[in-house]
Amino acid sequence: MSLQGRLLGRPIAHRGLWRTGGPPENSLAAFEATCAAGYGIELDVRLTADGEAVVFHDETLERITSESGLTEERTLDELTALRLLGSDQQVPTLEQTLALIGGRVVVLVELKTPPGQEGALEARVAALLTAYAGPCGVLSFNPDALACIALHGPGLARGLNARTEQALDTLPASKAHFLSVSQELAGHERAQDIRGSGRAVIAWTIRNRAEWDRAGPLVDNLIFEGFTP
């Protein structure tokens, strides 16, 4: 089945099936729970100081770990020595994560590349995903990062994250195949026109049943968090 087909299937868990008091976000435990439940996975990647792609959302460390400072200034060994708060889970690499998922569910990898720093993270992610046998795609708010992925991994499916109408203007430059929008943008005329053109549109981040019921008819799939659809 194509990625487009998988995107239209099961809902996608935002940073895996994590919860307070349970598996932390973007952890191997959260991803295993997601695979067991049969949902898709959305996760975030950043580049370490020594050039590895790790699964970590924040630019800084303090919200998720006991340390502080910029994530990009830490080496792989330094990051994997940390534990995610309230758990025994370490910061995983993208390579470890893909090995764990093993093609069981669709995975969308969001590039957290700062503007002007495109290149190294995209090359590493493209290499890993091109070699991966399972259904996968790449997301980013950064259109230049997606265009860079198109160079390094032209066969990879690419999705533009958009929070505002203005962000939709970057769709051509991003070379994106599909659109990932905030739930507030899902019903916008331009988003609906893009959907009507044949591109899949997914919406984030859905946190309760009311939001689910409101956004669901407007898009092809939903990224959820904090409840079970």
C-alpha atoms as a PDB file:
ATOM      1  CA  MET A   1       0.000   0.000   0.000  1.00  0.00           C
ATOM      2  CA  SER A   2       1.277   3.514  -0.810  1.00  0.00           C
ATOM      3  CA  LEU A   3       2.025   6.057   1.900  1.00  0.00           C
ATOM      4  CA  GLN A   4      -0.987   8.010   0.681  1.00  0.00           C
ATOM      5  CA  GLY A   5      -3.092   4.935   1.383  1.00  0.00           C
ATOM      6  CA  ARG A   6      -1.566   4.455   4.821  1.00  0.00           C
ATOM      7  CA  LEU A   7      -2.151   8.125   5.637  1.00  0.00           C
ATOM      8  CA  LEU A   8      -5.847   7.586   5.019  1.00  0.00           C
ATOM      9  CA  GLY A   9      -5.947   4.586   7.343  1.00  0.00           C
ATOM     10  CA  ARG A  10      -5.434   4.485  11.088  1.00  0.00           C
ATOM     11  CA  PRO A  11      -5.055   7.737  13.084  1.00  0.00           C
ATOM     12  CA  ILE A  12      -1.531   8.900  13.949  1.00  0.00           C
ATOM     13  CA  ALA A  13      -0.255   9.224  17.529  1.00  0.00           C
ATOM     14  CA  HIS A  14       1.564  12.494  18.211  1.00  0.00           C
ATOM     15  CA  ARG A  15       5.015  11.572  19.550  1.00  0.00           C
ATOM     16  CA  GLY A  16       3.703   8.052  20.133  1.00  0.00           C
ATOM     17  CA  LEU A  17       1.207   6.814  22.709  1.00  0.00           C
ATOM     18  CA  TRP A  18       2.629   8.653  25.693  1.00  0.00           C
ATOM     19  CA  ARG A  19       0.965   9.795  28.890  1.00  0.00           C
ATOM     20  CA  THR A  20       1.758  11.333  32.242  1.00  0.00           C
ATOM     21  CA  GLY A  21       2.837   8.568  34.570  1.00  0.00           C
ATOM     22  CA  GLY A  22       3.404   6.240  31.626  1.00  0.00           C
ATOM     23  CA  PRO A  23       5.738   6.121  28.624  1.00  0.00           C
ATOM     24  CA  PRO A  24       7.205   9.575  27.907  1.00  0.00           C
ATOM     25  CA  GLU A  25       6.806  11.320  24.572  1.00  0.00           C
ATOM     26  CA  ASN A  26       9.141  10.309  21.734  1.00  0.00           C
ATOM     27  CA  SER A  27      10.345   7.239  23.623  1.00  0.00           C
ATOM     28  CA  LEU A  28      10.807   3.663  22.501  1.00  0.00           C
ATOM     29  CA  ALA A  29       8.202   2.592  25.057  1.00  0.00           C
ATOM     30  CA  ALA A  30       5.665   5.012  23.596  1.00  0.00           C
ATOM     31  CA  PHE A  31       6.402   3.793  20.080  1.00  0.00           C
ATOM     32  CA  GLU A  32       6.046   0.135  21.090  1.00  0.00           C
ATOM     33  CA  ALA A  33       2.678   0.921  22.679  1.00  0.00           C
ATOM     34  CA  THR A  34       1.607   2.655  19.472  1.00  0.00           C
ATOM     35  CA  CYS A  35       2.583  -0.294  17.318  1.00  0.00           C
ATOM     36  CA  ALA A  36       0.720  -2.670  19.634  1.00  0.00           C
ATOM     37  CA  ALA A  37      -2.405  -0.524  19.264  1.00  0.00           C
ATOM     38  CA  GLY A  38      -2.016  -0.302  15.486  1.00  0.00           C
ATOM     39  CA  TYR A  39      -1.855   3.492  15.199  1.00  0.00           C
ATOM     40  CA  GLY A  40       0.557   5.448  13.037  1.00  0.00           C
ATOM     41  CA  ILE A  41       3.424   7.352  14.639  1.00  0.00           C
ATOM     42  CA  GLU A  42       4.540  10.972  14.343  1.00  0.00           C
ATOM     43  CA  LEU A  43       7.921  11.742  15.889  1.00  0.00           C
ATOM     44  CA  ASP A  44      10.495  14.545  15.954  1.00  0.00           C
ATOM     45  CA  VAL A  45      14.185  14.456  15.088  1.00  0.00           C
ATOM     46  CA  ARG A  46      17.111  16.736  15.799  1.00  0.00           C
ATOM     47  CA  LEU A  47      20.811  16.571  14.969  1.00  0.00           C
ATOM     48  CA  THR A  48      23.409  15.930  17.646  1.00  0.00           C
ATOM     49  CA  ALA A  49      26.695  17.810  17.800  1.00  0.00           C
ATOM     50  CA  ASP A  50      28.396  14.812  16.186  1.00  0.00           C
ATOM     51  CA  GLY A  51      25.916  14.366  13.361  1.00  0.00           C
ATOM     52  CA  GLU A  52      23.423  11.710  14.481  1.00  0.00           C
ATOM     53  CA  ALA A  53      19.638  11.996  14.216  1.00  0.00           C
ATOM     54  CA  VAL A  54      17.964  11.605  17.603  1.00  0.00           C
ATOM     55  CA  VAL A  55      14.267  11.508  18.410  1.00  0.00           C
ATOM     56  CA  PHE A  56      13.697  14.622  20.503  1.00  0.00           C
ATOM     57  CA  HIS A  57      11.257  17.495  20.117  1.00  0.00           C
ATOM     58  CA  ASP A  58      12.613  20.485  21.997  1.00  0.00           C
ATOM     59  CA  GLU A  59      15.426  22.833  21.079  1.00  0.00           C
ATOM     60  CA  THR A  60      16.516  22.700  24.721  1.00  0.00           C
ATOM     61  CA  LEU A  61      16.744  19.867  27.223  1.00  0.00           C
ATOM     62  CA  GLU A  62      15.059  21.088  30.397  1.00  0.00           C
ATOM     63  CA  ARG A  63      11.411  20.189  29.756  1.00  0.00           C
ATOM     64  CA  ILE A  64      12.117  16.536  28.991  1.00  0.00           C
ATOM     65  CA  THR A  65      15.317  15.748  30.911  1.00  0.00           C
ATOM     66  CA  SER A  66      17.097  16.744  34.118  1.00  0.00           C
ATOM     67  CA  GLU A  67      19.650  18.747  32.123  1.00  0.00           C
ATOM     68  CA  SER A  68      19.504  22.152  30.446  1.00  0.00           C
ATOM     69  CA  GLY A  69      21.072  23.733  27.369  1.00  0.00           C
ATOM     70  CA  LEU A  70      20.734  23.296  23.631  1.00  0.00           C
ATOM     71  CA  THR A  71      20.065  19.814  22.335  1.00  0.00           C
ATOM     72  CA  GLU A  72      22.221  20.415  19.254  1.00  0.00           C
ATOM     73  CA  GLU A  73      25.276  21.117  21.435  1.00  0.00           C
ATOM     74  CA  ARG A  74      25.254  17.602  22.950  1.00  0.00           C
ATOM     75  CA  THR A  75      26.889  14.576  21.403  1.00  0.00           C
ATOM     76  CA  LEU A  76      25.084  11.309  20.841  1.00  0.00           C
ATOM     77  CA  ASP A  77      26.772   9.714  23.859  1.00  0.00           C
ATOM     78  CA  GLU A  78      25.824  12.660  26.058  1.00  0.00           C
ATOM     79  CA  LEU A  79      22.185  12.572  24.990  1.00  0.00           C
ATOM     80  CA  THR A  80      21.728   8.835  25.280  1.00  0.00           C
ATOM     81  CA  ALA A  81      23.202   8.965  28.789  1.00  0.00           C
ATOM     82  CA  LEU A  82      20.210  11.095  29.803  1.00  0.00           C
ATOM     83  CA  ARG A  83      16.868   9.680  30.871  1.00  0.00           C
ATOM     84  CA  LEU A  84      13.543  11.162  29.898  1.00  0.00           C
ATOM     85  CA  LEU A  85      11.880  12.627  32.984  1.00  0.00           C
ATOM     86  CA  GLY A  86       9.902  10.231  35.138  1.00  0.00           C
ATOM     87  CA  SER A  87      11.113   7.133  33.329  1.00  0.00           C
ATOM     88  CA  ASP A  88      13.967   4.763  32.591  1.00  0.00           C
ATOM     89  CA  GLN A  89      13.770   5.649  28.883  1.00  0.00           C
ATOM     90  CA  GLN A  90      16.750   7.146  27.090  1.00  0.00           C
ATOM     91  CA  VAL A  91      16.763   9.561  24.182  1.00  0.00           C
ATOM     92  CA  PRO A  92      16.530   7.195  21.190  1.00  0.00           C
ATOM     93  CA  THR A  93      18.209   7.561  17.850  1.00  0.00           C
ATOM     94  CA  LEU A  94      16.098   7.521  14.708  1.00  0.00           C
ATOM     95  CA  GLU A  95      17.928   4.365  13.666  1.00  0.00           C
ATOM     96  CA  GLN A  96      16.928   2.584  16.898  1.00  0.00           C
ATOM     97  CA  THR A  97      13.369   3.780  16.517  1.00  0.00           C
ATOM     98  CA  LEU A  98      12.981   2.531  12.970  1.00  0.00           C
ATOM     99  CA  ALA A  99      14.409  -0.839  13.993  1.00  0.00           C
ATOM    100  CA  LEU A 100      11.834  -1.076  16.782  1.00  0.00           C
ATOM    101  CA  ILE A 101       8.878  -0.104  14.567  1.00  0.00           C
ATOM    102  CA  GLY A 102      10.044  -2.476  11.860  1.00  0.00           C
ATOM    103  CA  GLY A 103       7.408  -1.501   9.313  1.00  0.00           C
ATOM    104  CA  ARG A 104       4.466  -2.395  11.569  1.00  0.00           C
ATOM    105  CA  VAL A 105       2.826   1.033  11.240  1.00  0.00           C
ATOM    106  CA  VAL A 106       3.322   4.186   9.205  1.00  0.00           C
ATOM    107  CA  VAL A 107       5.867   6.620  10.663  1.00  0.00           C
ATOM    108  CA  LEU A 108       6.091  10.342   9.951  1.00  0.00           C
ATOM    109  CA  VAL A 109       9.423  11.920  10.854  1.00  0.00           C
ATOM    110  CA  GLU A 110       9.273  15.635  11.607  1.00  0.00           C
ATOM    111  CA  LEU A 111      12.504  17.507  10.921  1.00  0.00           C
ATOM    112  CA  LYS A 112      13.253  20.108  13.599  1.00  0.00           C
ATOM    113  CA  THR A 113      15.813  21.906  11.450  1.00  0.00           C
ATOM    114  CA  PRO A 114      16.412  25.574  12.309  1.00  0.00           C
ATOM    115  CA  PRO A 115      16.196  27.891   9.278  1.00  0.00           C
ATOM    116  CA  GLY A 116      19.558  28.230   7.579  1.00  0.00           C
ATOM    117  CA  GLN A 117      20.924  24.956   9.010  1.00  0.00           C
ATOM    118  CA  GLU A 118      19.491  22.599   6.415  1.00  0.00           C
ATOM    119  CA  GLY A 119      21.721  19.842   5.089  1.00  0.00           C
ATOM    120  CA  ALA A 120      23.235  17.489   7.662  1.00  0.00           C
ATOM    121  CA  LEU A 121      20.033  16.352   9.395  1.00  0.00           C
ATOM    122  CA  GLU A 122      18.232  15.946   6.093  1.00  0.00           C
ATOM    123  CA  ALA A 123      21.043  13.852   4.635  1.00  0.00           C
ATOM    124  CA  ARG A 124      21.088  11.538   7.649  1.00  0.00           C
ATOM    125  CA  VAL A 125      17.305  11.162   7.793  1.00  0.00           C
ATOM    126  CA  ALA A 126      17.100  10.544   4.042  1.00  0.00           C
ATOM    127  CA  ALA A 127      19.755   7.836   4.267  1.00  0.00           C
ATOM    128  CA  LEU A 128      17.953   6.051   7.095  1.00  0.00           C
ATOM    129  CA  LEU A 129      14.479   6.289   5.569  1.00  0.00           C
ATOM    130  CA  THR A 130      15.614   5.306   2.082  1.00  0.00           C
ATOM    131  CA  ALA A 131      17.041   2.102   3.562  1.00  0.00           C
ATOM    132  CA  TYR A 132      13.938   1.489   5.712  1.00  0.00           C
ATOM    133  CA  ALA A 133      11.472  -1.086   4.411  1.00  0.00           C
ATOM    134  CA  GLY A 134       8.355   0.234   6.154  1.00  0.00           C
ATOM    135  CA  PRO A 135       5.871   2.959   5.187  1.00  0.00           C
ATOM    136  CA  CYS A 136       7.301   6.349   6.114  1.00  0.00           C
ATOM    137  CA  GLY A 137       7.335  10.030   5.276  1.00  0.00           C
ATOM    138  CA  VAL A 138       8.926  13.294   6.333  1.00  0.00           C
ATOM    139  CA  LEU A 139       7.269  16.395   7.820  1.00  0.00           C
ATOM    140  CA  SER A 140       8.565  19.886   8.529  1.00  0.00           C
ATOM    141  CA  PHE A 141       7.475  23.444   9.124  1.00  0.00           C
ATOM    142  CA  ASN A 142      10.683  24.404   7.309  1.00  0.00           C
ATOM    143  CA  PRO A 143      10.058  24.320   3.535  1.00  0.00           C
ATOM    144  CA  ASP A 144      13.784  24.454   2.800  1.00  0.00           C
ATOM    145  CA  ALA A 145      14.314  21.327   4.907  1.00  0.00           C
ATOM    146  CA  LEU A 146      11.722  19.486   2.819  1.00  0.00           C
ATOM    147  CA  ALA A 147      13.308  20.696  -0.402  1.00  0.00           C
ATOM    148  CA  CYS A 148      16.637  19.416   0.939  1.00  0.00           C
ATOM    149  CA  ILE A 149      15.056  16.025   1.625  1.00  0.00           C
ATOM    150  CA  ALA A 150      13.872  16.014  -1.990  1.00  0.00           C
ATOM    151  CA  LEU A 151      17.515  16.243  -3.066  1.00  0.00           C
ATOM    152  CA  HIS A 152      18.867  13.585  -0.706  1.00  0.00           C
ATOM    153  CA  GLY A 153      15.911  11.199  -0.882  1.00  0.00           C
ATOM    154  CA  PRO A 154      13.776  12.070  -3.904  1.00  0.00           C
ATOM    155  CA  GLY A 155      11.585   9.011  -3.436  1.00  0.00           C
ATOM    156  CA  LEU A 156      10.558   9.921   0.112  1.00  0.00           C
ATOM    157  CA  ALA A 157       7.067  11.286   0.729  1.00  0.00           C
ATOM    158  CA  ARG A 158       7.162  14.835   2.059  1.00  0.00           C
ATOM    159  CA  GLY A 159       4.543  16.743   4.037  1.00  0.00           C
ATOM    160  CA  LEU A 160       4.481  20.460   4.787  1.00  0.00           C
ATOM    161  CA  ASN A 161       3.416  21.425   8.306  1.00  0.00           C
ATOM    162  CA  ALA A 162       1.332  24.611   8.220  1.00  0.00           C
ATOM    163  CA  ARG A 163      -0.118  26.575  11.103  1.00  0.00           C
ATOM    164  CA  THR A 164      -1.201  29.683   9.178  1.00  0.00           C
ATOM    165  CA  GLU A 165      -2.556  30.577   5.752  1.00  0.00           C
ATOM    166  CA  GLN A 166       0.743  32.305   4.960  1.00  0.00           C
ATOM    167  CA  ALA A 167       2.585  29.022   5.446  1.00  0.00           C
ATOM    168  CA  LEU A 168       0.606  27.552   2.562  1.00  0.00           C
ATOM    169  CA  ASP A 169       2.440  29.969   0.250  1.00  0.00           C
ATOM    170  CA  THR A 170       5.600  27.874   0.747  1.00  0.00           C
ATOM    171  CA  LEU A 171       4.017  24.666  -0.530  1.00  0.00           C
ATOM    172  CA  PRO A 172       5.553  24.863  -4.052  1.00  0.00           C
ATOM    173  CA  ALA A 173       9.041  25.622  -2.724  1.00  0.00           C
ATOM    174  CA  SER A 174       8.813  22.797  -0.177  1.00  0.00           C
ATOM    175  CA  LYS A 175       8.209  20.191  -2.900  1.00  0.00           C
ATOM    176  CA  ALA A 176       5.716  18.560  -0.521  1.00  0.00           C
ATOM    177  CA  HIS A 177       3.398  15.764  -1.587  1.00  0.00           C
ATOM    178  CA  PHE A 178       0.865  16.248   1.202  1.00  0.00           C
ATOM    179  CA  LEU A 179      -0.183  18.804   3.784  1.00  0.00           C
ATOM    180  CA  SER A 180      -0.225  18.617   7.587  1.00  0.00           C
ATOM    181  CA  VAL A 181      -2.182  21.505   9.117  1.00  0.00           C
ATOM    182  CA  SER A 182      -3.288  22.818  12.480  1.00  0.00           C
ATOM    183  CA  GLN A 183      -6.886  21.908  13.168  1.00  0.00           C
ATOM    184  CA  GLU A 184      -7.757  25.624  12.973  1.00  0.00           C
ATOM    185  CA  LEU A 185      -6.471  25.714   9.388  1.00  0.00           C
ATOM    186  CA  ALA A 186      -8.133  22.474   8.322  1.00  0.00           C
ATOM    187  CA  GLY A 187     -11.359  24.105   7.182  1.00  0.00           C
ATOM    188  CA  HIS A 188      -9.705  27.003   5.387  1.00  0.00           C
ATOM    189  CA  GLU A 189     -10.661  27.347   1.740  1.00  0.00           C
ATOM    190  CA  ARG A 190      -7.066  27.079   0.557  1.00  0.00           C
ATOM    191  CA  ALA A 191      -6.462  23.904   2.561  1.00  0.00           C
ATOM    192  CA  GLN A 192      -9.625  22.439   1.114  1.00  0.00           C
ATOM    193  CA  ASP A 193      -8.539  23.411  -2.402  1.00  0.00           C
ATOM    194  CA  ILE A 194      -5.241  21.601  -1.857  1.00  0.00           C
ATOM    195  CA  ARG A 195      -7.144  18.564  -0.649  1.00  0.00           C
ATOM    196  CA  GLY A 196      -9.395  18.760  -3.675  1.00  0.00           C
ATOM    197  CA  SER A 197      -6.361  18.748  -5.950  1.00  0.00           C
ATOM    198  CA  GLY A 198      -5.551  15.223  -4.818  1.00  0.00           C
ATOM    199  CA  ARG A 199      -3.044  15.889  -2.044  1.00  0.00           C
ATOM    200  CA  ALA A 200      -3.829  14.263   1.302  1.00  0.00           C
ATOM    201  CA  VAL A 201      -4.411  16.678   4.195  1.00  0.00           C
ATOM    202  CA  ILE A 202      -3.996  15.628   7.817  1.00  0.00           C
ATOM    203  CA  ALA A 203      -4.726  17.772  10.884  1.00  0.00           C
ATOM    204  CA  TRP A 204      -3.053  18.130  14.298  1.00  0.00           C
ATOM    205  CA  THR A 205      -3.090  18.008  17.260  1.00  0.00           C
ATOM    206  CA  ILE A 206      -6.455  16.537  18.239  1.00  0.00           C
ATOM    207  CA  ARG A 207      -6.788  16.246  22.030  1.00  0.00           C
ATOM    208  CA  ASN A 208     -10.408  15.295  22.657  1.00  0.00           C
ATOM    209  CA  ARG A 209     -13.510  13.865  21.018  1.00  0.00           C
ATOM    210  CA  ALA A 210     -15.051  17.283  20.280  1.00  0.00           C
ATOM    211  CA  GLU A 211     -11.983  18.346  18.299  1.00  0.00           C
ATOM    212  CA  TRP A 212     -11.993  14.958  16.576  1.00  0.00           C
ATOM    213  CA  ASP A 213     -15.598  15.314  15.482  1.00  0.00           C
ATOM    214  CA  ARG A 214     -15.076  18.884  14.284  1.00  0.00           C
ATOM    215  CA  ALA A 215     -11.884  18.340  12.263  1.00  0.00           C
ATOM    216  CA  GLY A 216     -12.477  14.806  11.026  1.00  0.00           C
ATOM    217  CA  PRO A 217     -14.804  15.616   8.091  1.00  0.00           C
ATOM    218  CA  LEU A 218     -12.404  18.289   6.831  1.00  0.00           C
ATOM    219  CA  VAL A 219      -9.286  16.152   6.391  1.00  0.00           C
ATOM    220  CA  ASP A 220      -8.051  12.721   5.382  1.00  0.00           C
ATOM    221  CA  ASN A 221      -6.567  11.752   8.742  1.00  0.00           C
ATOM    222  CA  LEU A 222      -5.859  13.099  12.217  1.00  0.00           C
ATOM    223  CA  ILE A 223      -2.835  13.291  14.513  1.00  0.00           C
ATOM    224  CA  PHE A 224      -4.006  12.850  18.112  1.00  0.00           C
ATOM    225  CA  GLU A 225      -2.651  13.074  21.651  1.00  0.00           C
ATOM    226  CA  GLY A 226      -3.896  12.548  25.189  1.00  0.00           C
ATOM    227  CA  PHE A 227      -6.919  10.339  24.490  1.00  0.00           C
ATOM    228  CA  THR A 228      -7.796   7.170  22.620  1.00  0.00           C
ATOM    229  CA  PRO A 229      -9.793   7.737  19.427  1.00  0.00           C
END
